[in-house]
Amino acid sequence: MLGPATTGCQPPGRRGGAITRTYSRDDDGAAPLLRDRLIHGLGQQQAVLAWIVEGAQIWYQAGCALPDMPAAVSTATQEWRKGCDVIFDFVAGTLCSDPTGFVESEDLRQRFNNEWTRPPHQHWGKQTFGERFADHPARAP
């Protein structure tokens, strides 16, 4: 059984009280059968989902919100993305927001292909570039 929902701005899952049921552990520390029941048991999955939703409702009704990401984490995340996400790298290094400006999509794709695709990557076609760029969270508004 999951613990009762609490009020206040404590994240769901960080309850004041502990669940005090004792389980014997297998080699990797998991309670036997518990993992299987959570993976395969529809009732257990529904109970966990209901507990998560209830906690989220209590959290938001109490006016709580997650804190902003620390600056060091944000900076490290952006640096990491520049090294592994070519669209993020392209947007960060090439584009700027200009409410009165525009760029033709084909010109943008050609510049991306000429300057930002690195071996072993192939140049992107119109459809691939359009789909990946349009859905990417780093694109300029």
N, C-alpha and C. Protein backbone atom coordinates (compact mmCIF):
# COMPACT_ATOMS: atom_id res chain seq x y z
N MET A 1 0.84 -1.18 0.00
CA MET A 1 0.00 0.00 0.00
C MET A 1 0.88 1.24 0.00
N LEU A 2 0.50 2.23 -0.75
CA LEU A 2 1.26 3.47 -0.82
C LEU A 2 0.88 4.36 0.34
N GLY A 3 1.82 5.20 0.75
CA GLY A 3 1.58 6.10 1.87
C GLY A 3 0.50 7.11 1.53
N PRO A 4 -0.09 7.71 2.55
CA PRO A 4 -1.14 8.70 2.31
C PRO A 4 -0.56 9.96 1.69
N ALA A 5 -1.40 10.65 0.93
CA ALA A 5 -0.99 11.92 0.35
C ALA A 5 -0.86 12.95 1.47
N THR A 6 0.08 13.87 1.31
CA THR A 6 0.28 14.89 2.32
C THR A 6 0.07 16.25 1.69
N THR A 7 -0.10 17.26 2.53
CA THR A 7 -0.22 18.62 2.03
C THR A 7 1.11 19.32 2.23
N GLY A 8 1.20 20.54 1.74
CA GLY A 8 2.44 21.28 1.83
C GLY A 8 3.21 21.17 0.53
N CYS A 9 4.37 21.77 0.49
CA CYS A 9 5.14 21.80 -0.74
C CYS A 9 6.29 20.81 -0.71
N GLN A 10 6.04 19.67 -0.19
CA GLN A 10 7.03 18.60 -0.22
C GLN A 10 6.72 17.75 -1.44
N PRO A 11 7.70 17.48 -2.33
CA PRO A 11 7.41 16.73 -3.55
C PRO A 11 6.77 15.38 -3.24
N PRO A 12 5.78 14.97 -4.07
CA PRO A 12 5.24 13.63 -3.90
C PRO A 12 6.37 12.62 -3.95
N GLY A 13 6.30 11.61 -3.10
CA GLY A 13 7.37 10.62 -3.04
C GLY A 13 8.29 10.88 -1.87
N ARG A 14 8.30 12.09 -1.37
CA ARG A 14 9.12 12.42 -0.20
C ARG A 14 8.17 12.60 0.99
N ARG A 15 7.61 11.54 1.42
CA ARG A 15 6.62 11.58 2.49
C ARG A 15 7.32 11.64 3.84
N GLY A 16 6.63 12.22 4.80
CA GLY A 16 7.19 12.30 6.13
C GLY A 16 7.34 10.93 6.78
N GLY A 17 6.37 10.06 6.59
CA GLY A 17 6.43 8.74 7.19
C GLY A 17 7.01 7.73 6.22
N ALA A 18 7.48 6.63 6.76
CA ALA A 18 8.07 5.60 5.93
C ALA A 18 7.12 4.41 5.84
N ILE A 19 7.19 3.70 4.76
CA ILE A 19 6.45 2.45 4.64
C ILE A 19 7.27 1.40 5.37
N THR A 20 6.66 0.72 6.31
CA THR A 20 7.44 -0.13 7.22
C THR A 20 7.26 -1.62 6.96
N ARG A 21 6.96 -1.99 5.77
CA ARG A 21 6.84 -3.41 5.45
C ARG A 21 8.22 -3.97 5.14
N THR A 22 8.53 -5.14 5.65
CA THR A 22 9.83 -5.76 5.46
C THR A 22 9.77 -6.76 4.32
N TYR A 23 10.74 -6.68 3.43
CA TYR A 23 10.86 -7.62 2.32
C TYR A 23 12.22 -8.27 2.40
N SER A 24 12.27 -9.54 2.01
CA SER A 24 13.60 -10.14 1.85
C SER A 24 14.12 -9.69 0.50
N ARG A 25 15.42 -9.57 0.37
CA ARG A 25 16.03 -9.03 -0.85
C ARG A 25 16.73 -10.11 -1.64
N ASP A 26 16.75 -9.94 -2.98
CA ASP A 26 17.53 -10.86 -3.80
C ASP A 26 18.91 -10.23 -4.04
N ASP A 27 19.68 -10.77 -4.94
CA ASP A 27 21.07 -10.34 -5.14
C ASP A 27 21.22 -8.87 -5.48
N ASP A 28 20.29 -8.29 -6.26
CA ASP A 28 20.45 -6.88 -6.64
C ASP A 28 19.69 -5.94 -5.71
N GLY A 29 19.20 -6.44 -4.59
CA GLY A 29 18.57 -5.58 -3.60
C GLY A 29 17.08 -5.40 -3.79
N ALA A 30 16.48 -5.99 -4.80
CA ALA A 30 15.05 -5.81 -5.05
C ALA A 30 14.24 -6.86 -4.29
N ALA A 31 13.07 -6.45 -3.86
CA ALA A 31 12.18 -7.40 -3.19
C ALA A 31 11.70 -8.41 -4.21
N PRO A 32 11.76 -9.72 -3.87
CA PRO A 32 11.32 -10.73 -4.82
C PRO A 32 9.84 -10.55 -5.14
N LEU A 33 9.54 -10.72 -6.37
CA LEU A 33 8.19 -10.63 -6.92
C LEU A 33 7.65 -9.21 -7.00
N LEU A 34 8.16 -8.29 -6.19
CA LEU A 34 7.67 -6.92 -6.25
C LEU A 34 7.90 -6.32 -7.62
N ARG A 35 9.11 -6.49 -8.15
CA ARG A 35 9.42 -5.95 -9.47
C ARG A 35 8.48 -6.55 -10.52
N ASP A 36 8.28 -7.86 -10.47
CA ASP A 36 7.39 -8.52 -11.43
C ASP A 36 5.96 -8.01 -11.29
N ARG A 37 5.51 -7.81 -10.05
CA ARG A 37 4.14 -7.31 -9.87
C ARG A 37 4.00 -5.90 -10.42
N LEU A 38 5.02 -5.08 -10.24
CA LEU A 38 4.94 -3.71 -10.77
C LEU A 38 5.05 -3.67 -12.29
N ILE A 39 5.84 -4.57 -12.87
CA ILE A 39 6.01 -4.60 -14.32
C ILE A 39 4.78 -5.21 -14.99
N HIS A 40 4.24 -6.27 -14.42
CA HIS A 40 3.19 -7.02 -15.10
C HIS A 40 1.81 -6.86 -14.48
N GLY A 41 1.71 -6.36 -13.28
CA GLY A 41 0.42 -6.29 -12.60
C GLY A 41 -0.33 -5.02 -12.93
N LEU A 42 -1.42 -5.15 -13.65
CA LEU A 42 -2.21 -3.98 -14.05
C LEU A 42 -2.72 -3.22 -12.83
N GLY A 43 -3.16 -3.94 -11.82
CA GLY A 43 -3.65 -3.28 -10.61
C GLY A 43 -2.58 -2.47 -9.92
N GLN A 44 -1.36 -3.02 -9.84
CA GLN A 44 -0.26 -2.29 -9.21
C GLN A 44 0.11 -1.05 -10.03
N GLN A 45 0.11 -1.19 -11.35
CA GLN A 45 0.43 -0.05 -12.21
C GLN A 45 -0.61 1.05 -12.06
N GLN A 46 -1.89 0.66 -12.00
CA GLN A 46 -2.95 1.65 -11.82
C GLN A 46 -2.84 2.33 -10.47
N ALA A 47 -2.48 1.58 -9.43
CA ALA A 47 -2.33 2.16 -8.10
C ALA A 47 -1.19 3.17 -8.06
N VAL A 48 -0.08 2.83 -8.67
CA VAL A 48 1.06 3.75 -8.71
C VAL A 48 0.70 5.01 -9.48
N LEU A 49 0.04 4.85 -10.62
CA LEU A 49 -0.36 6.02 -11.42
C LEU A 49 -1.33 6.90 -10.63
N ALA A 50 -2.30 6.29 -9.96
CA ALA A 50 -3.25 7.07 -9.17
C ALA A 50 -2.53 7.82 -8.05
N TRP A 51 -1.54 7.19 -7.42
CA TRP A 51 -0.78 7.83 -6.35
C TRP A 51 0.01 9.02 -6.90
N ILE A 52 0.59 8.86 -8.08
CA ILE A 52 1.35 9.96 -8.70
C ILE A 52 0.43 11.13 -9.03
N VAL A 53 -0.72 10.82 -9.63
CA VAL A 53 -1.67 11.88 -10.00
C VAL A 53 -2.19 12.59 -8.76
N GLU A 54 -2.53 11.82 -7.72
CA GLU A 54 -3.02 12.43 -6.48
C GLU A 54 -1.96 13.36 -5.88
N GLY A 55 -0.73 12.91 -5.86
CA GLY A 55 0.34 13.76 -5.34
C GLY A 55 0.53 15.03 -6.16
N ALA A 56 0.44 14.90 -7.49
CA ALA A 56 0.58 16.08 -8.36
C ALA A 56 -0.56 17.06 -8.12
N GLN A 57 -1.78 16.55 -7.95
CA GLN A 57 -2.92 17.43 -7.70
C GLN A 57 -2.75 18.18 -6.39
N ILE A 58 -2.33 17.49 -5.35
CA ILE A 58 -2.11 18.13 -4.05
C ILE A 58 -1.01 19.18 -4.16
N TRP A 59 0.06 18.83 -4.87
CA TRP A 59 1.21 19.72 -5.06
C TRP A 59 0.77 21.03 -5.71
N TYR A 60 0.04 20.94 -6.83
CA TYR A 60 -0.35 22.14 -7.56
C TYR A 60 -1.46 22.91 -6.86
N GLN A 61 -2.37 22.22 -6.19
CA GLN A 61 -3.42 22.90 -5.44
C GLN A 61 -2.84 23.71 -4.28
N ALA A 62 -1.71 23.25 -3.77
CA ALA A 62 -1.04 23.97 -2.68
C ALA A 62 -0.21 25.14 -3.21
N GLY A 63 -0.23 25.35 -4.52
CA GLY A 63 0.50 26.47 -5.11
C GLY A 63 1.99 26.21 -5.26
N CYS A 64 2.37 24.96 -5.24
CA CYS A 64 3.79 24.62 -5.32
C CYS A 64 4.24 24.55 -6.77
N ALA A 65 5.51 24.74 -6.97
CA ALA A 65 6.12 24.60 -8.30
C ALA A 65 7.57 24.18 -8.10
N LEU A 66 8.12 23.54 -9.10
CA LEU A 66 9.52 23.15 -9.02
C LEU A 66 10.39 24.40 -9.09
N PRO A 67 11.49 24.42 -8.38
CA PRO A 67 12.39 25.58 -8.45
C PRO A 67 13.07 25.63 -9.82
N ASP A 68 13.57 26.81 -10.16
CA ASP A 68 14.33 26.95 -11.40
C ASP A 68 15.57 26.07 -11.34
N MET A 69 16.00 25.66 -12.52
CA MET A 69 17.21 24.85 -12.59
C MET A 69 18.41 25.69 -12.16
N PRO A 70 19.30 25.16 -11.33
CA PRO A 70 20.49 25.92 -10.94
C PRO A 70 21.31 26.32 -12.18
N ALA A 71 21.91 27.49 -12.12
CA ALA A 71 22.67 28.01 -13.26
C ALA A 71 23.77 27.05 -13.71
N ALA A 72 24.44 26.42 -12.76
CA ALA A 72 25.52 25.49 -13.12
C ALA A 72 24.98 24.29 -13.89
N VAL A 73 23.80 23.81 -13.51
CA VAL A 73 23.20 22.67 -14.21
C VAL A 73 22.76 23.09 -15.60
N SER A 74 22.15 24.27 -15.72
CA SER A 74 21.72 24.78 -17.02
C SER A 74 22.90 24.96 -17.96
N THR A 75 23.98 25.54 -17.47
CA THR A 75 25.18 25.75 -18.29
C THR A 75 25.78 24.42 -18.72
N ALA A 76 25.90 23.49 -17.79
CA ALA A 76 26.47 22.18 -18.12
C ALA A 76 25.60 21.44 -19.13
N THR A 77 24.29 21.56 -19.01
CA THR A 77 23.38 20.91 -19.95
C THR A 77 23.54 21.49 -21.35
N GLN A 78 23.63 22.81 -21.44
CA GLN A 78 23.82 23.44 -22.76
C GLN A 78 25.15 23.04 -23.38
N GLU A 79 26.19 23.00 -22.59
CA GLU A 79 27.50 22.59 -23.12
C GLU A 79 27.46 21.14 -23.60
N TRP A 80 26.80 20.29 -22.84
CA TRP A 80 26.68 18.88 -23.24
C TRP A 80 25.90 18.77 -24.54
N ARG A 81 24.80 19.52 -24.66
CA ARG A 81 23.98 19.45 -25.87
C ARG A 81 24.75 19.94 -27.09
N LYS A 82 25.59 20.94 -26.92
CA LYS A 82 26.38 21.44 -28.06
C LYS A 82 27.26 20.36 -28.64
N GLY A 83 27.72 19.46 -27.80
CA GLY A 83 28.61 18.41 -28.27
C GLY A 83 27.91 17.21 -28.89
N CYS A 84 26.61 17.05 -28.64
CA CYS A 84 25.96 15.84 -29.13
C CYS A 84 24.67 16.09 -29.90
N ASP A 85 24.19 17.31 -29.95
CA ASP A 85 22.92 17.62 -30.61
C ASP A 85 23.21 18.66 -31.70
N VAL A 86 23.27 18.21 -32.94
CA VAL A 86 23.68 19.12 -34.02
C VAL A 86 22.69 20.24 -34.25
N ILE A 87 21.40 20.01 -34.04
CA ILE A 87 20.43 21.10 -34.22
C ILE A 87 20.61 22.14 -33.12
N PHE A 88 20.77 21.70 -31.89
CA PHE A 88 21.00 22.63 -30.79
C PHE A 88 22.26 23.46 -31.06
N ASP A 89 23.31 22.79 -31.48
CA ASP A 89 24.58 23.47 -31.78
C ASP A 89 24.40 24.48 -32.91
N PHE A 90 23.68 24.09 -33.93
CA PHE A 90 23.42 24.97 -35.08
C PHE A 90 22.63 26.20 -34.65
N VAL A 91 21.55 26.00 -33.88
CA VAL A 91 20.71 27.11 -33.43
C VAL A 91 21.52 28.04 -32.55
N ALA A 92 22.26 27.47 -31.58
CA ALA A 92 23.03 28.30 -30.65
C ALA A 92 24.14 29.08 -31.35
N GLY A 93 24.74 28.49 -32.37
CA GLY A 93 25.88 29.13 -33.02
C GLY A 93 25.55 29.94 -34.25
N THR A 94 24.32 29.86 -34.75
CA THR A 94 24.02 30.47 -36.03
C THR A 94 22.84 31.44 -35.98
N LEU A 95 21.80 31.08 -35.29
CA LEU A 95 20.55 31.85 -35.35
C LEU A 95 20.43 32.85 -34.22
N CYS A 96 19.70 33.90 -34.50
CA CYS A 96 19.34 34.86 -33.47
C CYS A 96 17.88 35.23 -33.70
N SER A 97 17.23 35.67 -32.65
CA SER A 97 15.83 36.04 -32.74
C SER A 97 15.71 37.45 -33.29
N ASP A 98 14.94 37.62 -34.35
CA ASP A 98 14.69 38.93 -34.94
C ASP A 98 13.23 38.96 -35.35
N PRO A 99 12.39 39.69 -34.61
CA PRO A 99 10.96 39.68 -34.89
C PRO A 99 10.59 40.17 -36.28
N THR A 100 11.46 40.95 -36.93
CA THR A 100 11.15 41.44 -38.27
C THR A 100 11.90 40.69 -39.36
N GLY A 101 12.78 39.79 -38.97
CA GLY A 101 13.59 39.08 -39.95
C GLY A 101 12.99 37.75 -40.35
N PHE A 102 13.56 37.15 -41.39
CA PHE A 102 13.14 35.83 -41.82
C PHE A 102 14.29 35.19 -42.58
N VAL A 103 14.20 33.90 -42.75
CA VAL A 103 15.18 33.18 -43.55
C VAL A 103 14.43 32.10 -44.32
N GLU A 104 14.78 31.92 -45.56
CA GLU A 104 14.16 30.87 -46.37
C GLU A 104 14.61 29.51 -45.82
N SER A 105 13.68 28.59 -45.72
CA SER A 105 14.01 27.28 -45.15
C SER A 105 15.09 26.56 -45.96
N GLU A 106 15.09 26.71 -47.28
CA GLU A 106 16.11 26.05 -48.09
C GLU A 106 17.49 26.65 -47.85
N ASP A 107 17.57 27.96 -47.67
CA ASP A 107 18.84 28.60 -47.34
C ASP A 107 19.35 28.12 -45.98
N LEU A 108 18.42 27.99 -45.03
CA LEU A 108 18.78 27.50 -43.71
C LEU A 108 19.30 26.06 -43.78
N ARG A 109 18.61 25.21 -44.54
CA ARG A 109 19.02 23.81 -44.68
C ARG A 109 20.39 23.71 -45.34
N GLN A 110 20.62 24.49 -46.39
CA GLN A 110 21.91 24.45 -47.08
C GLN A 110 23.04 24.90 -46.15
N ARG A 111 22.79 25.95 -45.38
CA ARG A 111 23.83 26.39 -44.45
C ARG A 111 24.10 25.33 -43.41
N PHE A 112 23.06 24.72 -42.89
CA PHE A 112 23.21 23.63 -41.92
C PHE A 112 24.04 22.51 -42.53
N ASN A 113 23.69 22.07 -43.73
CA ASN A 113 24.41 20.97 -44.38
C ASN A 113 25.86 21.32 -44.67
N ASN A 114 26.11 22.55 -45.08
CA ASN A 114 27.48 22.94 -45.43
C ASN A 114 28.37 23.18 -44.22
N GLU A 115 27.80 23.65 -43.14
CA GLU A 115 28.63 24.06 -42.00
C GLU A 115 28.51 23.18 -40.77
N TRP A 116 27.43 22.45 -40.62
CA TRP A 116 27.19 21.80 -39.34
C TRP A 116 27.10 20.28 -39.39
N THR A 117 26.94 19.70 -40.56
CA THR A 117 26.95 18.24 -40.58
C THR A 117 28.39 17.79 -40.67
N ARG A 118 28.75 16.90 -39.76
CA ARG A 118 30.12 16.41 -39.68
C ARG A 118 30.11 14.91 -39.94
N PRO A 119 31.20 14.40 -40.52
CA PRO A 119 31.26 12.95 -40.71
C PRO A 119 31.07 12.26 -39.36
N PRO A 120 30.39 11.17 -39.30
CA PRO A 120 29.86 10.35 -40.40
C PRO A 120 28.46 10.74 -40.84
N HIS A 121 27.97 11.91 -40.43
CA HIS A 121 26.61 12.33 -40.78
C HIS A 121 26.50 12.71 -42.26
N GLN A 122 25.38 12.37 -42.85
CA GLN A 122 25.08 12.73 -44.22
C GLN A 122 24.36 14.09 -44.23
N HIS A 123 24.38 14.76 -45.37
CA HIS A 123 23.58 15.97 -45.51
C HIS A 123 22.11 15.59 -45.39
N TRP A 124 21.34 16.47 -44.77
CA TRP A 124 19.93 16.20 -44.55
C TRP A 124 19.10 16.71 -45.73
N GLY A 125 18.14 15.90 -46.13
CA GLY A 125 17.20 16.30 -47.18
C GLY A 125 16.17 17.27 -46.62
N LYS A 126 15.33 17.79 -47.52
CA LYS A 126 14.33 18.78 -47.11
C LYS A 126 13.38 18.24 -46.05
N GLN A 127 12.88 17.03 -46.26
CA GLN A 127 11.91 16.47 -45.32
C GLN A 127 12.55 16.21 -43.96
N THR A 128 13.71 15.59 -43.94
CA THR A 128 14.39 15.30 -42.68
C THR A 128 14.69 16.58 -41.92
N PHE A 129 15.27 17.56 -42.61
CA PHE A 129 15.61 18.82 -41.95
C PHE A 129 14.35 19.51 -41.43
N GLY A 130 13.33 19.58 -42.26
CA GLY A 130 12.09 20.25 -41.85
C GLY A 130 11.46 19.62 -40.64
N GLU A 131 11.37 18.28 -40.62
CA GLU A 131 10.75 17.59 -39.49
C GLU A 131 11.57 17.74 -38.21
N ARG A 132 12.85 17.53 -38.31
CA ARG A 132 13.69 17.58 -37.10
C ARG A 132 13.84 18.99 -36.56
N PHE A 133 13.93 19.95 -37.45
CA PHE A 133 14.09 21.33 -37.01
C PHE A 133 12.79 21.88 -36.44
N ALA A 134 11.66 21.60 -37.08
CA ALA A 134 10.37 22.14 -36.61
C ALA A 134 10.01 21.63 -35.23
N ASP A 135 10.36 20.38 -34.92
CA ASP A 135 9.99 19.79 -33.64
C ASP A 135 11.03 20.00 -32.55
N HIS A 136 12.14 20.62 -32.85
CA HIS A 136 13.24 20.72 -31.89
C HIS A 136 12.97 21.85 -30.89
N PRO A 137 13.18 21.59 -29.59
CA PRO A 137 12.90 22.63 -28.58
C PRO A 137 13.87 23.81 -28.62
N ALA A 138 15.02 23.65 -29.27
CA ALA A 138 16.01 24.74 -29.26
C ALA A 138 15.78 25.76 -30.36
N ARG A 139 14.84 25.50 -31.27
CA ARG A 139 14.66 26.43 -32.39
C ARG A 139 14.19 27.79 -31.90
N ALA A 140 14.56 28.81 -32.64
CA ALA A 140 14.18 30.17 -32.27
C ALA A 140 12.66 30.34 -32.44
N PRO A 141 12.01 31.09 -31.58
CA PRO A 141 10.55 31.27 -31.67
C PRO A 141 10.15 32.07 -32.89
